[in-house]
Amino acid sequence: MKIIVDAMGGDNAPASNVRGALQAVRELGAEVILVGRGEDILKVLEEDGIRDLPHGIEIAHASEVVEICDNPASAFKEKKDSSLTVGLNLLKEGKGDAFVSAGSTGALLSAATLLVKRVKGIRRAAMCPVIPTAKGGALLIDCGATADCNSEYLLQFAFMGSYYAERVMGRPEPRVGLLNIGAEESKGTDLQRETWKLLKQADQEGRLHFAGNVEAKEAVLGAVDVIVADGYSGNIFLKTMEGAGSFLSGEMKKMFKKNLLTKIAALLVKDGIKDFKRMMDSREVGGTALVGISKPVIKAHGSSDDYAIRNAVRQAMQFASSGIIEDIVENVEYMRLPVGGRKAEDE
């Protein structure tokens, strides 16, 4: 399987991107096309004592880089020879099976939507990170791609999230919950109440396993496998979880370093501490899938190191081989409202 990697995107590019790609080739059997400034990519390899291009690695030269300060909506058009634009065009042309970038989220979403295109009938693409829960993790969809949603968007997010949870996360009949301020059907704004009816209907038709509304605290405890949210609420939920995780990790570190006895205690529970750190470490997942795009795209964290890039490539391989996009194409008719029930937003 051939994965296209944006070698120039992210805080630690190109070093971490190149080294992470090499790890993926050696450990996962991937083939990788590194897109970016060829001389910079070769310099990283030379620094690691590699003088000949390793088997499984190709370089596609791109002279420009989309910077974080560039306008995300137009950067890929203005910089047509950027690693982001060149890489997505390679994906569009079928030169690779998936695309991975740790660059600007907004630019990646805009470019993927306009170059690679959404699946026909899908109104908005969504970002769906896997968040840690008491029962092994849940998929959050959406986490910020579309802040202002309508009920049809959320219906589509629920279907796409369900397919992802089943195909990639290995959850048969994944439980889908609608993020809300209470479990009752009447809770939330008009958006949540309208979406509840659509998801309930899909459940009754046997197309989704809708578990009802889910509060944030219950979601963290593992009440559902898929958490459906508008991008605004989902992003707040995600950032709150990230902050809480960092806070708890810091407090644990201070507690165990307090004195000799606490240091001894830390040694006794070190395996448990390692497991906790691993569970909260976003590098283990690799990145966030953009679902709804016609070909697999993975957004890696901007601060990704080589291990995170390696896992983002692994995630891209899983995404590309999962059959999720085929599921969406085959079932998109069930994810759309009748024309008369649809609002006037552009397709």
C-alpha atoms as a PDB file:
ATOM      1  CA  MET A   1       0.000   0.000   0.000  1.00  0.00           C
ATOM      2  CA  LYS A   2       1.352   3.413  -0.996  1.00  0.00           C
ATOM      3  CA  ILE A   3       0.860   6.365   1.369  1.00  0.00           C
ATOM      4  CA  ILE A   4       1.594   9.958   0.351  1.00  0.00           C
ATOM      5  CA  VAL A   5       3.171  11.964   3.183  1.00  0.00           C
ATOM      6  CA  ASP A   6       3.459  15.752   3.297  1.00  0.00           C
ATOM      7  CA  ALA A   7       7.132  15.970   4.251  1.00  0.00           C
ATOM      8  CA  MET A   8       7.000  19.729   4.908  1.00  0.00           C
ATOM      9  CA  GLY A   9       3.885  20.024   7.080  1.00  0.00           C
ATOM     10  CA  GLY A  10       4.051  20.430  10.856  1.00  0.00           C
ATOM     11  CA  ASP A  11       6.272  21.901  13.545  1.00  0.00           C
ATOM     12  CA  ASN A  12       8.993  19.245  13.240  1.00  0.00           C
ATOM     13  CA  ALA A  13       9.123  18.966   9.458  1.00  0.00           C
ATOM     14  CA  PRO A  14      10.845  17.636   7.532  1.00  0.00           C
ATOM     15  CA  ALA A  15      12.935  15.632  10.029  1.00  0.00           C
ATOM     16  CA  SER A  16      10.139  13.897  11.929  1.00  0.00           C
ATOM     17  CA  ASN A  17       8.055  13.345   8.808  1.00  0.00           C
ATOM     18  CA  VAL A  18      10.921  11.671   6.946  1.00  0.00           C
ATOM     19  CA  ARG A  19      11.983   9.546   9.925  1.00  0.00           C
ATOM     20  CA  GLY A  20       8.414   8.570  10.721  1.00  0.00           C
ATOM     21  CA  ALA A  21       7.892   7.527   7.113  1.00  0.00           C
ATOM     22  CA  LEU A  22      11.048   5.398   7.277  1.00  0.00           C
ATOM     23  CA  GLN A  23       9.734   3.693  10.413  1.00  0.00           C
ATOM     24  CA  ALA A  24       6.461   2.952   8.635  1.00  0.00           C
ATOM     25  CA  VAL A  25       8.310   1.406   5.694  1.00  0.00           C
ATOM     26  CA  ARG A  26      10.514  -0.755   7.904  1.00  0.00           C
ATOM     27  CA  GLU A  27       7.962  -1.767  10.527  1.00  0.00           C
ATOM     28  CA  LEU A  28       4.629  -1.733   8.697  1.00  0.00           C
ATOM     29  CA  GLY A  29       5.610  -2.672   5.167  1.00  0.00           C
ATOM     30  CA  ALA A  30       4.230   0.565   3.747  1.00  0.00           C
ATOM     31  CA  GLU A  31       5.411   2.262   0.582  1.00  0.00           C
ATOM     32  CA  VAL A  32       5.695   6.031   1.033  1.00  0.00           C
ATOM     33  CA  ILE A  33       5.886   8.993  -1.319  1.00  0.00           C
ATOM     34  CA  LEU A  34       7.496  11.912   0.528  1.00  0.00           C
ATOM     35  CA  VAL A  35       6.291  15.183  -0.960  1.00  0.00           C
ATOM     36  CA  GLY A  36       8.382  18.290  -0.423  1.00  0.00           C
ATOM     37  CA  ARG A  37      11.689  19.935  -1.112  1.00  0.00           C
ATOM     38  CA  GLY A  38      13.853  17.099  -2.347  1.00  0.00           C
ATOM     39  CA  GLU A  39      17.099  18.558  -1.051  1.00  0.00           C
ATOM     40  CA  ASP A  40      15.675  18.951   2.463  1.00  0.00           C
ATOM     41  CA  ILE A  41      14.369  15.380   2.479  1.00  0.00           C
ATOM     42  CA  LEU A  42      17.712  13.980   1.291  1.00  0.00           C
ATOM     43  CA  LYS A  43      19.537  16.035   3.918  1.00  0.00           C
ATOM     44  CA  VAL A  44      17.553  14.341   6.698  1.00  0.00           C
ATOM     45  CA  LEU A  45      18.418  10.941   5.250  1.00  0.00           C
ATOM     46  CA  GLU A  46      22.093  11.875   5.026  1.00  0.00           C
ATOM     47  CA  GLU A  47      22.077  13.029   8.656  1.00  0.00           C
ATOM     48  CA  ASP A  48      20.948   9.513   9.546  1.00  0.00           C
ATOM     49  CA  GLY A  49      23.740   7.980   7.464  1.00  0.00           C
ATOM     50  CA  ILE A  50      21.469   7.002   4.568  1.00  0.00           C
ATOM     51  CA  ARG A  51      23.016   7.906   1.231  1.00  0.00           C
ATOM     52  CA  ASP A  52      20.833   5.897  -1.140  1.00  0.00           C
ATOM     53  CA  LEU A  53      17.059   6.262  -1.214  1.00  0.00           C
ATOM     54  CA  PRO A  54      15.714   3.304   0.819  1.00  0.00           C
ATOM     55  CA  HIS A  55      13.479   0.696  -0.798  1.00  0.00           C
ATOM     56  CA  GLY A  56       9.845   1.706  -0.371  1.00  0.00           C
ATOM     57  CA  ILE A  57      10.540   5.442  -0.333  1.00  0.00           C
ATOM     58  CA  GLU A  58       9.932   7.832  -3.236  1.00  0.00           C
ATOM     59  CA  ILE A  59      10.327  11.606  -3.376  1.00  0.00           C
ATOM     60  CA  ALA A  60       7.926  13.902  -5.191  1.00  0.00           C
ATOM     61  CA  HIS A  61       9.496  17.344  -5.351  1.00  0.00           C
ATOM     62  CA  ALA A  62       7.418  20.359  -4.282  1.00  0.00           C
ATOM     63  CA  SER A  63       9.176  23.709  -3.977  1.00  0.00           C
ATOM     64  CA  GLU A  64       6.674  25.539  -1.741  1.00  0.00           C
ATOM     65  CA  VAL A  65       5.306  25.096   1.780  1.00  0.00           C
ATOM     66  CA  VAL A  66       1.910  26.097   3.168  1.00  0.00           C
ATOM     67  CA  GLU A  67       2.772  27.983   6.347  1.00  0.00           C
ATOM     68  CA  ILE A  68       0.539  28.243   9.398  1.00  0.00           C
ATOM     69  CA  CYS A  69       0.203  31.995   8.764  1.00  0.00           C
ATOM     70  CA  ASP A  70      -1.167  31.490   5.227  1.00  0.00           C
ATOM     71  CA  ASN A  71      -4.856  31.903   4.510  1.00  0.00           C
ATOM     72  CA  PRO A  72      -6.199  28.347   4.962  1.00  0.00           C
ATOM     73  CA  ALA A  73      -8.996  28.814   2.434  1.00  0.00           C
ATOM     74  CA  SER A  74      -6.746  29.860  -0.442  1.00  0.00           C
ATOM     75  CA  ALA A  75      -3.166  28.828   0.405  1.00  0.00           C
ATOM     76  CA  PHE A  76      -3.276  25.642  -1.666  1.00  0.00           C
ATOM     77  CA  LYS A  77      -4.392  27.678  -4.714  1.00  0.00           C
ATOM     78  CA  GLU A  78      -1.825  30.421  -4.231  1.00  0.00           C
ATOM     79  CA  LYS A  79       0.955  27.907  -3.630  1.00  0.00           C
ATOM     80  CA  LYS A  80       0.262  25.397  -6.384  1.00  0.00           C
ATOM     81  CA  ASP A  81       3.674  23.777  -5.957  1.00  0.00           C
ATOM     82  CA  SER A  82       3.317  23.325  -2.194  1.00  0.00           C
ATOM     83  CA  SER A  83       3.763  19.889  -0.646  1.00  0.00           C
ATOM     84  CA  LEU A  84       0.091  19.984   0.397  1.00  0.00           C
ATOM     85  CA  THR A  85      -1.260  20.757  -3.086  1.00  0.00           C
ATOM     86  CA  VAL A  86       1.106  18.421  -4.920  1.00  0.00           C
ATOM     87  CA  GLY A  87       0.403  15.600  -2.460  1.00  0.00           C
ATOM     88  CA  LEU A  88      -3.372  15.891  -2.698  1.00  0.00           C
ATOM     89  CA  ASN A  89      -3.180  16.031  -6.495  1.00  0.00           C
ATOM     90  CA  LEU A  90      -1.180  12.793  -6.425  1.00  0.00           C
ATOM     91  CA  LEU A  91      -3.946  11.269  -4.309  1.00  0.00           C
ATOM     92  CA  LYS A  92      -6.609  12.579  -6.675  1.00  0.00           C
ATOM     93  CA  GLU A  93      -4.749  11.075  -9.655  1.00  0.00           C
ATOM     94  CA  GLY A  94      -4.553   7.656  -7.969  1.00  0.00           C
ATOM     95  CA  LYS A  95      -0.773   7.764  -7.457  1.00  0.00           C
ATOM     96  CA  GLY A  96      -1.236   6.749  -3.808  1.00  0.00           C
ATOM     97  CA  ASP A  97      -3.848   5.141  -1.557  1.00  0.00           C
ATOM     98  CA  ALA A  98      -4.030   7.808   1.173  1.00  0.00           C
ATOM     99  CA  PHE A  99      -2.549  11.163   2.178  1.00  0.00           C
ATOM    100  CA  VAL A 100      -1.054  12.204   5.535  1.00  0.00           C
ATOM    101  CA  SER A 101      -0.227  15.774   6.599  1.00  0.00           C
ATOM    102  CA  ALA A 102       0.702  17.454   9.867  1.00  0.00           C
ATOM    103  CA  GLY A 103       0.284  20.886   8.286  1.00  0.00           C
ATOM    104  CA  SER A 104      -2.452  23.500   8.620  1.00  0.00           C
ATOM    105  CA  THR A 105      -5.800  21.890   9.458  1.00  0.00           C
ATOM    106  CA  GLY A 106      -7.824  24.541   7.654  1.00  0.00           C
ATOM    107  CA  ALA A 107      -5.705  24.396   4.528  1.00  0.00           C
ATOM    108  CA  LEU A 108      -5.835  20.597   4.465  1.00  0.00           C
ATOM    109  CA  LEU A 109      -9.613  20.542   4.859  1.00  0.00           C
ATOM    110  CA  SER A 110     -10.132  23.196   2.170  1.00  0.00           C
ATOM    111  CA  ALA A 111      -7.716  21.578  -0.255  1.00  0.00           C
ATOM    112  CA  ALA A 112      -9.064  18.062   0.268  1.00  0.00           C
ATOM    113  CA  THR A 113     -12.628  19.303  -0.255  1.00  0.00           C
ATOM    114  CA  LEU A 114     -11.874  21.263  -3.425  1.00  0.00           C
ATOM    115  CA  LEU A 115      -9.185  19.076  -5.003  1.00  0.00           C
ATOM    116  CA  VAL A 116     -10.045  15.510  -4.003  1.00  0.00           C
ATOM    117  CA  LYS A 117     -13.754  16.343  -3.476  1.00  0.00           C
ATOM    118  CA  ARG A 118     -16.334  15.011  -1.056  1.00  0.00           C
ATOM    119  CA  VAL A 119     -18.223  11.790  -1.690  1.00  0.00           C
ATOM    120  CA  LYS A 120     -21.197  12.741  -3.854  1.00  0.00           C
ATOM    121  CA  GLY A 121     -24.149  13.463  -1.589  1.00  0.00           C
ATOM    122  CA  ILE A 122     -22.086  14.171   1.533  1.00  0.00           C
ATOM    123  CA  ARG A 123     -22.740  17.750   2.605  1.00  0.00           C
ATOM    124  CA  ARG A 124     -19.669  18.328   4.789  1.00  0.00           C
ATOM    125  CA  ALA A 125     -16.520  16.385   5.586  1.00  0.00           C
ATOM    126  CA  ALA A 126     -15.854  15.762   9.267  1.00  0.00           C
ATOM    127  CA  MET A 127     -12.824  15.247  11.481  1.00  0.00           C
ATOM    128  CA  CYS A 128     -13.076  12.273  13.806  1.00  0.00           C
ATOM    129  CA  PRO A 129     -10.346  11.741  16.419  1.00  0.00           C
ATOM    130  CA  VAL A 130     -10.377   8.720  18.710  1.00  0.00           C
ATOM    131  CA  ILE A 131     -10.549   9.956  22.300  1.00  0.00           C
ATOM    132  CA  PRO A 132      -9.630   7.885  25.375  1.00  0.00           C
ATOM    133  CA  THR A 133     -12.509   6.545  27.475  1.00  0.00           C
ATOM    134  CA  ALA A 134     -12.935   4.095  30.332  1.00  0.00           C
ATOM    135  CA  LYS A 135     -13.874   1.406  27.787  1.00  0.00           C
ATOM    136  CA  GLY A 136     -11.047   1.732  25.316  1.00  0.00           C
ATOM    137  CA  GLY A 137     -11.804   4.852  23.319  1.00  0.00           C
ATOM    138  CA  ALA A 138     -14.592   6.447  21.317  1.00  0.00           C
ATOM    139  CA  LEU A 139     -14.784   8.248  18.005  1.00  0.00           C
ATOM    140  CA  LEU A 140     -15.695  11.940  18.228  1.00  0.00           C
ATOM    141  CA  ILE A 141     -17.288  13.316  15.056  1.00  0.00           C
ATOM    142  CA  ASP A 142     -17.035  16.286  14.338  1.00  0.00           C
ATOM    143  CA  CYS A 143     -14.242  17.984  16.299  1.00  0.00           C
ATOM    144  CA  GLY A 144     -14.052  21.293  14.443  1.00  0.00           C
ATOM    145  CA  ALA A 145     -14.284  20.954  10.681  1.00  0.00           C
ATOM    146  CA  THR A 146     -17.800  22.455  10.602  1.00  0.00           C
ATOM    147  CA  ALA A 147     -18.698  24.688  13.539  1.00  0.00           C
ATOM    148  CA  ASP A 148     -22.206  25.590  12.369  1.00  0.00           C
ATOM    149  CA  CYS A 149     -24.144  22.424  11.540  1.00  0.00           C
ATOM    150  CA  ASN A 150     -27.681  21.423  10.677  1.00  0.00           C
ATOM    151  CA  SER A 151     -29.420  18.146  11.451  1.00  0.00           C
ATOM    152  CA  GLU A 152     -28.596  16.605   8.068  1.00  0.00           C
ATOM    153  CA  TYR A 153     -24.882  17.157   8.666  1.00  0.00           C
ATOM    154  CA  LEU A 154     -25.105  15.417  12.034  1.00  0.00           C
ATOM    155  CA  LEU A 155     -27.094  12.539  10.548  1.00  0.00           C
ATOM    156  CA  GLN A 156     -24.323  12.031   8.016  1.00  0.00           C
ATOM    157  CA  PHE A 157     -21.653  12.314  10.712  1.00  0.00           C
ATOM    158  CA  ALA A 158     -23.417   9.559  12.660  1.00  0.00           C
ATOM    159  CA  PHE A 159     -23.431   7.173   9.690  1.00  0.00           C
ATOM    160  CA  MET A 160     -19.815   7.917   8.740  1.00  0.00           C
ATOM    161  CA  GLY A 161     -18.660   7.617  12.348  1.00  0.00           C
ATOM    162  CA  SER A 162     -20.465   4.305  12.723  1.00  0.00           C
ATOM    163  CA  TYR A 163     -18.742   2.890   9.643  1.00  0.00           C
ATOM    164  CA  TYR A 164     -15.350   4.087  10.894  1.00  0.00           C
ATOM    165  CA  ALA A 165     -15.856   2.624  14.377  1.00  0.00           C
ATOM    166  CA  GLU A 166     -16.854  -0.722  12.919  1.00  0.00           C
ATOM    167  CA  ARG A 167     -14.268  -0.974  10.171  1.00  0.00           C
ATOM    168  CA  VAL A 168     -11.182   0.612  11.760  1.00  0.00           C
ATOM    169  CA  MET A 169     -11.795   0.357  15.496  1.00  0.00           C
ATOM    170  CA  GLY A 170     -13.273  -3.136  15.323  1.00  0.00           C
ATOM    171  CA  ARG A 171     -16.546  -2.287  17.073  1.00  0.00           C
ATOM    172  CA  PRO A 172     -19.407  -4.485  15.787  1.00  0.00           C
ATOM    173  CA  GLU A 173     -22.725  -2.625  15.893  1.00  0.00           C
ATOM    174  CA  PRO A 174     -21.126   0.526  17.356  1.00  0.00           C
ATOM    175  CA  ARG A 175     -23.295   2.500  19.766  1.00  0.00           C
ATOM    176  CA  VAL A 176     -23.893   6.021  18.483  1.00  0.00           C
ATOM    177  CA  GLY A 177     -24.627   8.826  20.939  1.00  0.00           C
ATOM    178  CA  LEU A 178     -25.596  12.455  20.334  1.00  0.00           C
ATOM    179  CA  LEU A 179     -23.587  14.833  22.536  1.00  0.00           C
ATOM    180  CA  ASN A 180     -26.075  16.818  24.602  1.00  0.00           C
ATOM    181  CA  ILE A 181     -26.685  18.450  27.983  1.00  0.00           C
ATOM    182  CA  GLY A 182     -28.974  15.663  29.146  1.00  0.00           C
ATOM    183  CA  ALA A 183     -30.184  12.195  28.232  1.00  0.00           C
ATOM    184  CA  GLU A 184     -33.832  13.130  27.693  1.00  0.00           C
ATOM    185  CA  GLU A 185     -35.215  13.470  24.163  1.00  0.00           C
ATOM    186  CA  SER A 186     -36.319  17.049  24.886  1.00  0.00           C
ATOM    187  CA  LYS A 187     -32.847  18.298  25.884  1.00  0.00           C
ATOM    188  CA  GLY A 188     -30.667  20.633  23.848  1.00  0.00           C
ATOM    189  CA  THR A 189     -31.323  23.204  21.159  1.00  0.00           C
ATOM    190  CA  ASP A 190     -33.464  22.775  18.054  1.00  0.00           C
ATOM    191  CA  LEU A 191     -30.420  21.230  16.374  1.00  0.00           C
ATOM    192  CA  GLN A 192     -30.120  18.401  18.890  1.00  0.00           C
ATOM    193  CA  ARG A 193     -33.873  17.760  19.035  1.00  0.00           C
ATOM    194  CA  GLU A 194     -34.163  17.585  15.235  1.00  0.00           C
ATOM    195  CA  THR A 195     -31.099  15.356  14.990  1.00  0.00           C
ATOM    196  CA  TRP A 196     -32.427  13.041  17.711  1.00  0.00           C
ATOM    197  CA  LYS A 197     -35.519  12.315  15.590  1.00  0.00           C
ATOM    198  CA  LEU A 198     -33.424  11.548  12.503  1.00  0.00           C
ATOM    199  CA  LEU A 199     -31.062   9.251  14.404  1.00  0.00           C
ATOM    200  CA  LYS A 200     -33.965   7.504  16.116  1.00  0.00           C
ATOM    201  CA  GLN A 201     -35.570   6.858  12.728  1.00  0.00           C
ATOM    202  CA  ALA A 202     -32.297   5.453  11.369  1.00  0.00           C
ATOM    203  CA  ASP A 203     -32.122   3.187  14.425  1.00  0.00           C
ATOM    204  CA  GLN A 204     -35.684   1.943  13.899  1.00  0.00           C
ATOM    205  CA  GLU A 205     -34.849   1.171  10.277  1.00  0.00           C
ATOM    206  CA  GLY A 206     -31.887  -0.906  11.449  1.00  0.00           C
ATOM    207  CA  ARG A 207     -29.269   1.312   9.834  1.00  0.00           C
ATOM    208  CA  LEU A 208     -27.655   2.647  13.039  1.00  0.00           C
ATOM    209  CA  HIS A 209     -27.428   1.574  16.652  1.00  0.00           C
ATOM    210  CA  PHE A 210     -28.538   4.866  18.226  1.00  0.00           C
ATOM    211  CA  ALA A 211     -28.066   4.919  22.000  1.00  0.00           C
ATOM    212  CA  GLY A 212     -29.718   8.328  22.466  1.00  0.00           C
ATOM    213  CA  ASN A 213     -28.355  11.528  23.898  1.00  0.00           C
ATOM    214  CA  VAL A 214     -25.099  11.283  25.833  1.00  0.00           C
ATOM    215  CA  GLU A 215     -23.664  13.787  28.292  1.00  0.00           C
ATOM    216  CA  ALA A 216     -19.955  14.553  28.189  1.00  0.00           C
ATOM    217  CA  LYS A 217     -19.262  12.829  31.494  1.00  0.00           C
ATOM    218  CA  GLU A 218     -20.970   9.634  30.332  1.00  0.00           C
ATOM    219  CA  ALA A 219     -19.152   9.765  27.010  1.00  0.00           C
ATOM    220  CA  VAL A 220     -15.802   9.788  28.824  1.00  0.00           C
ATOM    221  CA  LEU A 221     -16.913   6.747  30.827  1.00  0.00           C
ATOM    222  CA  GLY A 222     -17.473   4.852  27.586  1.00  0.00           C
ATOM    223  CA  ALA A 223     -21.254   4.985  27.238  1.00  0.00           C
ATOM    224  CA  VAL A 224     -21.003   4.973  23.426  1.00  0.00           C
ATOM    225  CA  ASP A 225     -18.555   4.114  20.661  1.00  0.00           C
ATOM    226  CA  VAL A 226     -19.345   7.148  18.478  1.00  0.00           C
ATOM    227  CA  ILE A 227     -19.991  10.650  19.848  1.00  0.00           C
ATOM    228  CA  VAL A 228     -21.837  12.841  17.331  1.00  0.00           C
ATOM    229  CA  ALA A 229     -21.447  16.609  17.716  1.00  0.00           C
ATOM    230  CA  ASP A 230     -21.405  19.825  15.744  1.00  0.00           C
ATOM    231  CA  GLY A 231     -17.838  21.031  15.227  1.00  0.00           C
ATOM    232  CA  TYR A 232     -18.178  23.837  17.767  1.00  0.00           C
ATOM    233  CA  SER A 233     -19.321  21.626  20.658  1.00  0.00           C
ATOM    234  CA  GLY A 234     -17.063  18.782  19.612  1.00  0.00           C
ATOM    235  CA  ASN A 235     -13.972  20.974  19.591  1.00  0.00           C
ATOM    236  CA  ILE A 236     -14.714  22.312  23.066  1.00  0.00           C
ATOM    237  CA  PHE A 237     -15.240  18.759  24.321  1.00  0.00           C
ATOM    238  CA  LEU A 238     -11.978  17.580  22.737  1.00  0.00           C
ATOM    239  CA  LYS A 239      -9.887  20.495  24.035  1.00  0.00           C
ATOM    240  CA  THR A 240     -11.367  20.087  27.516  1.00  0.00           C
ATOM    241  CA  MET A 241     -10.339  16.426  27.499  1.00  0.00           C
ATOM    242  CA  GLU A 242      -6.832  17.292  26.337  1.00  0.00           C
ATOM    243  CA  GLY A 243      -6.480  19.931  29.038  1.00  0.00           C
ATOM    244  CA  ALA A 244      -7.842  17.641  31.750  1.00  0.00           C
ATOM    245  CA  GLY A 245      -5.432  14.901  30.680  1.00  0.00           C
ATOM    246  CA  SER A 246      -2.441  17.255  30.831  1.00  0.00           C
ATOM    247  CA  PHE A 247      -3.578  18.584  34.202  1.00  0.00           C
ATOM    248  CA  LEU A 248      -3.977  15.094  35.705  1.00  0.00           C
ATOM    249  CA  SER A 249      -0.629  13.933  34.327  1.00  0.00           C
ATOM    250  CA  GLY A 250       1.092  16.976  35.819  1.00  0.00           C
ATOM    251  CA  GLU A 251      -0.557  16.501  39.206  1.00  0.00           C
ATOM    252  CA  MET A 252       0.418  12.816  39.279  1.00  0.00           C
ATOM    253  CA  LYS A 253       4.019  13.707  38.492  1.00  0.00           C
ATOM    254  CA  LYS A 254       4.135  16.275  41.310  1.00  0.00           C
ATOM    255  CA  MET A 255       2.498  13.848  43.721  1.00  0.00           C
ATOM    256  CA  PHE A 256       4.973  11.035  43.038  1.00  0.00           C
ATOM    257  CA  LYS A 257       7.993  13.355  43.273  1.00  0.00           C
ATOM    258  CA  LYS A 258       6.951  14.804  46.613  1.00  0.00           C
ATOM    259  CA  ASN A 259       9.247  12.740  48.864  1.00  0.00           C
ATOM    260  CA  LEU A 260      11.111   9.445  49.154  1.00  0.00           C
ATOM    261  CA  LEU A 261       8.005   7.424  50.020  1.00  0.00           C
ATOM    262  CA  THR A 262       6.048   8.743  47.055  1.00  0.00           C
ATOM    263  CA  LYS A 263       8.995   8.018  44.762  1.00  0.00           C
ATOM    264  CA  ILE A 264       9.029   4.421  46.020  1.00  0.00           C
ATOM    265  CA  ALA A 265       5.275   4.257  45.439  1.00  0.00           C
ATOM    266  CA  ALA A 266       5.826   5.476  41.889  1.00  0.00           C
ATOM    267  CA  LEU A 267       8.199   2.589  41.247  1.00  0.00           C
ATOM    268  CA  LEU A 268       5.590   0.129  42.493  1.00  0.00           C
ATOM    269  CA  VAL A 269       2.933   1.406  40.093  1.00  0.00           C
ATOM    270  CA  LYS A 270       5.194   2.385  37.189  1.00  0.00           C
ATOM    271  CA  ASP A 271       3.536  -0.059  34.782  1.00  0.00           C
ATOM    272  CA  GLY A 272       0.144   1.473  35.533  1.00  0.00           C
ATOM    273  CA  ILE A 273       1.556   4.964  35.026  1.00  0.00           C
ATOM    274  CA  LYS A 274       2.989   3.924  31.658  1.00  0.00           C
ATOM    275  CA  ASP A 275      -0.387   2.535  30.615  1.00  0.00           C
ATOM    276  CA  PHE A 276      -2.088   5.778  31.652  1.00  0.00           C
ATOM    277  CA  LYS A 277       0.394   7.878  29.680  1.00  0.00           C
ATOM    278  CA  ARG A 278      -0.029   5.648  26.641  1.00  0.00           C
ATOM    279  CA  MET A 279      -3.819   5.949  26.833  1.00  0.00           C
ATOM    280  CA  MET A 280      -3.629   9.756  26.931  1.00  0.00           C
ATOM    281  CA  ASP A 281      -0.910  10.015  24.263  1.00  0.00           C
ATOM    282  CA  SER A 282      -2.320  11.231  20.940  1.00  0.00           C
ATOM    283  CA  ARG A 283       0.819   9.930  19.207  1.00  0.00           C
ATOM    284  CA  GLU A 284      -0.440   6.379  19.672  1.00  0.00           C
ATOM    285  CA  VAL A 285      -3.411   7.021  17.389  1.00  0.00           C
ATOM    286  CA  GLY A 286      -1.379   8.987  14.860  1.00  0.00           C
ATOM    287  CA  GLY A 287      -3.906  11.465  13.565  1.00  0.00           C
ATOM    288  CA  THR A 288      -7.483  12.366  12.786  1.00  0.00           C
ATOM    289  CA  ALA A 289      -9.321  10.973   9.784  1.00  0.00           C
ATOM    290  CA  LEU A 290     -11.181  13.327   7.449  1.00  0.00           C
ATOM    291  CA  VAL A 291     -14.284  11.317   6.596  1.00  0.00           C
ATOM    292  CA  GLY A 292     -16.584  12.279   3.767  1.00  0.00           C
ATOM    293  CA  ILE A 293     -13.705  12.985   1.377  1.00  0.00           C
ATOM    294  CA  SER A 294     -13.701  10.659  -1.647  1.00  0.00           C
ATOM    295  CA  LYS A 295     -10.243   9.295  -0.787  1.00  0.00           C
ATOM    296  CA  PRO A 296      -8.512   8.668   2.586  1.00  0.00           C
ATOM    297  CA  VAL A 297      -6.927  11.732   4.218  1.00  0.00           C
ATOM    298  CA  ILE A 298      -5.338  11.800   7.684  1.00  0.00           C
ATOM    299  CA  LYS A 299      -4.538  14.973   9.632  1.00  0.00           C
ATOM    300  CA  ALA A 300      -1.609  14.380  11.978  1.00  0.00           C
ATOM    301  CA  HIS A 301      -1.053  16.703  14.934  1.00  0.00           C
ATOM    302  CA  GLY A 302       1.038  19.759  14.141  1.00  0.00           C
ATOM    303  CA  SER A 303       3.585  18.817  16.808  1.00  0.00           C
ATOM    304  CA  SER A 304       3.925  15.211  15.578  1.00  0.00           C
ATOM    305  CA  ASP A 305       7.285  13.530  16.127  1.00  0.00           C
ATOM    306  CA  ASP A 306       8.557  10.577  14.096  1.00  0.00           C
ATOM    307  CA  TYR A 307       6.568   8.044  16.173  1.00  0.00           C
ATOM    308  CA  ALA A 308       3.331   9.968  15.617  1.00  0.00           C
ATOM    309  CA  ILE A 309       3.961  10.187  11.862  1.00  0.00           C
ATOM    310  CA  ARG A 310       4.677   6.449  11.782  1.00  0.00           C
ATOM    311  CA  ASN A 311       1.319   5.814  13.453  1.00  0.00           C
ATOM    312  CA  ALA A 312      -0.448   8.293  11.177  1.00  0.00           C
ATOM    313  CA  VAL A 313       0.799   6.226   8.224  1.00  0.00           C
ATOM    314  CA  ARG A 314      -0.489   3.085   9.968  1.00  0.00           C
ATOM    315  CA  GLN A 315      -3.855   4.760  10.450  1.00  0.00           C
ATOM    316  CA  ALA A 316      -3.907   5.815   6.796  1.00  0.00           C
ATOM    317  CA  MET A 317      -3.254   2.216   5.758  1.00  0.00           C
ATOM    318  CA  GLN A 318      -6.139   1.014   7.922  1.00  0.00           C
ATOM    319  CA  PHE A 319      -8.419   3.712   6.541  1.00  0.00           C
ATOM    320  CA  ALA A 320      -7.519   2.921   2.928  1.00  0.00           C
ATOM    321  CA  SER A 321      -8.114  -0.826   3.312  1.00  0.00           C
ATOM    322  CA  SER A 322     -11.226  -0.576   5.509  1.00  0.00           C
ATOM    323  CA  GLY A 323     -13.940  -0.105   2.909  1.00  0.00           C
ATOM    324  CA  ILE A 324     -15.424   2.892   4.754  1.00  0.00           C
ATOM    325  CA  ILE A 325     -15.627   5.091   1.677  1.00  0.00           C
ATOM    326  CA  GLU A 326     -17.419   2.310  -0.199  1.00  0.00           C
ATOM    327  CA  ASP A 327     -19.886   2.017   2.705  1.00  0.00           C
ATOM    328  CA  ILE A 328     -20.585   5.751   2.525  1.00  0.00           C
ATOM    329  CA  VAL A 329     -21.090   5.683  -1.256  1.00  0.00           C
ATOM    330  CA  GLU A 330     -23.463   2.710  -1.048  1.00  0.00           C
ATOM    331  CA  ASN A 331     -25.560   4.177   1.765  1.00  0.00           C
ATOM    332  CA  VAL A 332     -25.486   7.910   1.082  1.00  0.00           C
ATOM    333  CA  GLU A 333     -29.150   7.873   0.009  1.00  0.00           C
ATOM    334  CA  TYR A 334     -30.120   7.043   3.595  1.00  0.00           C
ATOM    335  CA  MET A 335     -28.095   9.975   4.938  1.00  0.00           C
ATOM    336  CA  ARG A 336     -29.926  12.732   3.094  1.00  0.00           C
ATOM    337  CA  LEU A 337     -33.110  14.595   3.857  1.00  0.00           C
ATOM    338  CA  PRO A 338     -35.771  15.005   1.168  1.00  0.00           C
ATOM    339  CA  VAL A 339     -35.156  18.138  -0.910  1.00  0.00           C
ATOM    340  CA  GLY A 340     -38.128  19.859   0.709  1.00  0.00           C
ATOM    341  CA  GLY A 341     -36.705  19.224   4.183  1.00  0.00           C
ATOM    342  CA  ARG A 342     -33.263  20.534   3.382  1.00  0.00           C
ATOM    343  CA  LYS A 343     -32.071  24.035   4.175  1.00  0.00           C
ATOM    344  CA  ALA A 344     -30.561  26.362   1.607  1.00  0.00           C
ATOM    345  CA  GLU A 345     -26.871  25.839   2.395  1.00  0.00           C
ATOM    346  CA  ASP A 346     -24.675  25.138  -0.603  1.00  0.00           C
ATOM    347  CA  GLU A 347     -23.815  21.558  -1.357  1.00  0.00           C
END
